Amino acid sequence: MPDTIHSSNSLIVQPVPETLPAAVEQDNQSTGLSQTAQEKAIGINRLSIIIPAYNEEKTIGLILDRINEVKLIRNIEKEVIIVNDCSKDNTEAAIQNYIANTQNLTINYFKYIKHDVNQGKGAAIHTGIAQATGEYLLVQDADLEYDPGEYNTLLKPIVLGSADVVYGSRFMGGNPHRILFFWHSIGNKFLTFLSNMFTNLNLTDMETGYKMFRTDIIQRISLDEKRFGFEPEVTAKIAQVPSIRIYEVGISYYGRTFAEGKKIGWRDGFRAIYCILKYASITTKSLIKQKVKN
């Protein structure tokens, strides 16, 4: 049985340094890799998997099963952090039942946190980021749209010492993609194009739900968006980290319809445009969280 931590919405935020860690140090001429890259290539012990959940009683057990089935490369441990954003269904009971009754768990650490009031997906992600103890972390939606079997695909550029951040793109590679809404795909490509204009990145899928971050970097970035604005905000801010190394890999996508429970809507698209413009002029200094008084 893995270590399990149950927590309420109240969290203790530790003081953080006044500067972001350098993403890359000077290259070592003998190896072609920086010292930091060499350390990261052999020093990843744990991956933190953040699951924001709101009314996901039907799928939360299934996604945990899929995570449990995954064996990470280089025997990396799995830390699962479930943030229940004040669900109104039986999500909490389904989580507790899974933890208590599932045998042969390969998940090394469980953390379960419940918000006292519904705050939004972005807020749930913020809570999970603050609790992560792995060297890297990613967000895993509970709705089965993204496949945990592809964790190792995202990890590959990291364990090779090449990446600090990896985006999983739904629009590249030969993996399965469910055919759904034409205007949603146009909207996603437009938002990615607009984001790229201001970040000077060449991403193909800014809105992807699969983003893997170096934990010590993402925990020091001040994040504000509490709903679906998280994606454009974090992209704008992570792009400003000095010497950040961002990679993109192709992933599959098993999208849901609104009848099947998809929550994002057209209002969130307009919010994404607002966030892209709002955070376009962000400076490195303004990224950093302020110290918290004890």
Foldseek 3Di string as FASTA:
>chain_A
DAAEAEEEPDDDFAFDDLAFDAQFDDADVVPRAGPQLVCQLLPFAEEEEEEEDAQLLPQQLVQQVQLQPAQAPPRHAYEYEYEDQPHPDCNVVSVVCNVVPDPPGRHRHYYYYYYPHRQAPQVSVLVSLSVDDGQKYAYDYRLPFFGSNCPNVQCVCRSSSQAQKEAADQPDDDAAEDDDDPVVQVLQQVLQVLLCVLLVDDDRGLQDRTMMHRSSRVNFFDDDDRYSLRSSQVSLLQSQRHPHGYYYHYGYTDDDDVVSPDDDDPVVSVVNVVNSVVSSPPHSSNGGDHTDDD
